[in-house]
Amino acid sequence: MKKSSVYFWKIIWVIGLLLLTMISFDIENQIKDSSQFNFTPVYWSKFIIYFIWGMYLSLILIKKWSIKFNFPLFICIFVPCFTFSLIVPISASFSISIPFLGVWFLKVIHSGMIEIVAGLTFMLSIFYSGKSDSD
């Protein structure tokens, strides 16, 4: 009985993945169509959509739903990724030019991977299921 419920939740996760894909695609297209000359909403929507994608992808990796904070994961991976992912939307919102950003950084940021990793590590750092240092 327990084994079939594991398969059931994995199938539900895949269905949710398909729904999230369709919804995020529709939202992204609507925002692109409605803001033809102002790219700020496009950057913010991409940030939010990719961050939610990362959070959703982490759902399949979390084994135990008890809050146990992983401080090194939070500080060393989430905080830098979250900070880097906010640079483009904030600079677009306030028309700030950031001089140290090069073409390499824009390629990395526009891939969406930084936001996905930020969302994924945010959830994994809150619901940490690994062994603690005292174990």
Protein backbone atom coordinates (compact mmCIF):
# COMPACT_ATOMS: atom_id res chain seq x y z
CA MET A 1 0.00 0.00 0.00
CA LYS A 2 2.80 2.41 0.91
CA LYS A 3 4.67 1.68 -2.33
CA SER A 4 1.64 2.61 -4.47
CA SER A 5 1.24 5.94 -2.65
CA VAL A 6 4.87 6.79 -3.53
CA TYR A 7 4.10 6.24 -7.20
CA PHE A 8 0.89 8.25 -6.86
CA TRP A 9 2.72 11.30 -5.47
CA LYS A 10 5.38 11.10 -8.20
CA ILE A 11 2.67 11.03 -10.89
CA ILE A 12 0.92 14.00 -9.23
CA TRP A 13 4.26 15.84 -9.25
CA VAL A 14 4.65 15.23 -13.01
CA ILE A 15 1.11 16.47 -13.65
CA GLY A 16 1.90 19.56 -11.57
CA LEU A 17 5.07 20.05 -13.57
CA LEU A 18 3.08 20.05 -16.81
CA LEU A 19 0.54 22.49 -15.36
CA LEU A 20 3.27 24.78 -14.06
CA THR A 21 4.92 24.74 -17.48
CA MET A 22 1.71 25.75 -19.24
CA ILE A 23 0.79 28.41 -16.69
CA SER A 24 4.25 29.99 -16.61
CA PHE A 25 4.43 30.01 -20.42
CA ASP A 26 1.04 31.75 -20.65
CA ILE A 27 1.91 34.30 -17.97
CA GLU A 28 5.25 35.08 -19.59
CA ASN A 29 3.61 35.60 -23.00
CA GLN A 30 0.86 37.82 -21.57
CA ILE A 31 3.39 40.02 -19.80
CA LYS A 32 5.56 40.26 -22.92
CA ASP A 33 2.53 41.24 -25.00
CA SER A 34 1.23 43.82 -22.53
CA SER A 35 4.57 45.54 -21.94
CA GLN A 36 5.93 46.22 -25.40
CA PHE A 37 8.26 49.09 -24.55
CA ASN A 38 8.78 48.64 -20.81
CA PHE A 39 10.90 45.56 -20.08
CA THR A 40 10.82 45.89 -16.30
CA PRO A 41 7.72 43.67 -15.85
CA VAL A 42 9.29 41.08 -18.15
CA TYR A 43 12.45 40.89 -16.02
CA TRP A 44 10.47 40.69 -12.77
CA SER A 45 8.13 38.03 -14.14
CA LYS A 46 11.06 35.92 -15.35
CA PHE A 47 12.68 36.22 -11.92
CA ILE A 48 9.49 35.14 -10.13
CA ILE A 49 8.65 32.35 -12.59
CA TYR A 50 12.13 30.82 -12.48
CA PHE A 51 12.30 31.13 -8.69
CA ILE A 52 8.97 29.30 -8.39
CA TRP A 53 10.31 26.68 -10.83
CA GLY A 54 13.24 26.07 -8.51
CA MET A 55 10.95 25.78 -5.52
CA TYR A 56 8.73 23.31 -7.39
CA LEU A 57 11.67 21.19 -8.53
CA SER A 58 12.84 20.94 -4.93
CA LEU A 59 9.54 19.31 -3.93
CA ILE A 60 10.65 16.01 -5.40
CA LEU A 61 13.94 16.15 -3.49
CA ILE A 62 12.56 16.89 -0.03
CA LYS A 63 12.21 13.65 1.90
CA LYS A 64 11.04 14.91 5.27
CA TRP A 65 8.72 17.87 5.71
CA SER A 66 10.05 19.07 9.01
CA ILE A 67 11.75 22.40 9.30
CA LYS A 68 15.44 21.88 9.84
CA PHE A 69 17.55 24.78 8.65
CA ASN A 70 20.78 24.21 6.72
CA PHE A 71 22.66 27.43 7.34
CA PRO A 72 25.73 26.72 5.10
CA LEU A 73 23.50 25.92 2.10
CA PHE A 74 21.47 29.06 2.75
CA ILE A 75 24.46 31.39 3.11
CA CYS A 76 26.85 29.92 0.55
CA ILE A 77 24.44 29.11 -2.28
CA PHE A 78 21.00 30.70 -1.79
CA VAL A 79 22.09 34.20 -0.78
CA PRO A 80 24.59 34.72 -3.65
CA CYS A 81 22.25 33.21 -6.25
CA PHE A 82 19.30 35.25 -4.99
CA THR A 83 21.40 38.42 -4.97
CA PHE A 84 22.73 37.86 -8.49
CA SER A 85 19.26 37.05 -9.78
CA LEU A 86 17.91 40.36 -8.45
CA ILE A 87 20.53 42.49 -10.20
CA VAL A 88 18.79 42.62 -13.60
CA PRO A 89 15.21 43.32 -12.38
CA ILE A 90 16.38 45.98 -9.92
CA SER A 91 18.68 47.66 -12.43
CA ALA A 92 15.82 47.68 -14.97
CA SER A 93 13.37 49.08 -12.41
CA PHE A 94 15.58 51.98 -11.38
CA SER A 95 17.50 52.46 -14.66
CA ILE A 96 20.78 51.70 -12.96
CA SER A 97 23.82 50.77 -14.99
CA ILE A 98 26.07 48.33 -13.20
CA PRO A 99 29.60 48.75 -14.60
CA PHE A 100 31.17 45.47 -13.45
CA LEU A 101 28.68 43.33 -15.34
CA GLY A 102 30.00 41.94 -18.56
CA VAL A 103 28.54 39.92 -21.39
CA TRP A 104 29.36 36.69 -19.52
CA PHE A 105 27.15 37.77 -16.61
CA LEU A 106 24.22 38.63 -18.88
CA LYS A 107 24.47 35.22 -20.55
CA VAL A 108 24.36 33.52 -17.16
CA ILE A 109 21.50 35.65 -15.84
CA HIS A 110 19.31 35.31 -18.92
CA SER A 111 19.54 31.52 -18.79
CA GLY A 112 17.31 31.48 -15.70
CA MET A 113 19.48 28.92 -13.96
CA ILE A 114 20.51 31.29 -11.16
CA GLU A 115 16.87 31.88 -10.18
CA ILE A 116 16.08 28.17 -10.36
CA VAL A 117 19.06 27.33 -8.15
CA ALA A 118 18.01 30.08 -5.73
CA GLY A 119 14.49 28.65 -5.42
CA LEU A 120 15.76 25.10 -5.15
CA THR A 121 18.34 25.85 -2.48
CA PHE A 122 15.89 28.05 -0.58
CA MET A 123 13.54 25.12 -0.08
CA LEU A 124 16.32 22.61 0.52
CA SER A 125 17.95 24.85 3.11
CA ILE A 126 14.70 25.12 5.05
CA PHE A 127 13.71 21.44 4.86
CA TYR A 128 17.17 19.93 5.24
CA SER A 129 16.98 16.15 5.60
CA GLY A 130 20.65 15.23 5.78
CA LYS A 131 22.57 14.16 8.82
CA SER A 132 23.47 16.90 11.22
CA ASP A 133 27.00 17.45 12.52
CA SER A 134 26.11 15.76 15.82
CA ASP A 135 25.02 12.48 14.12
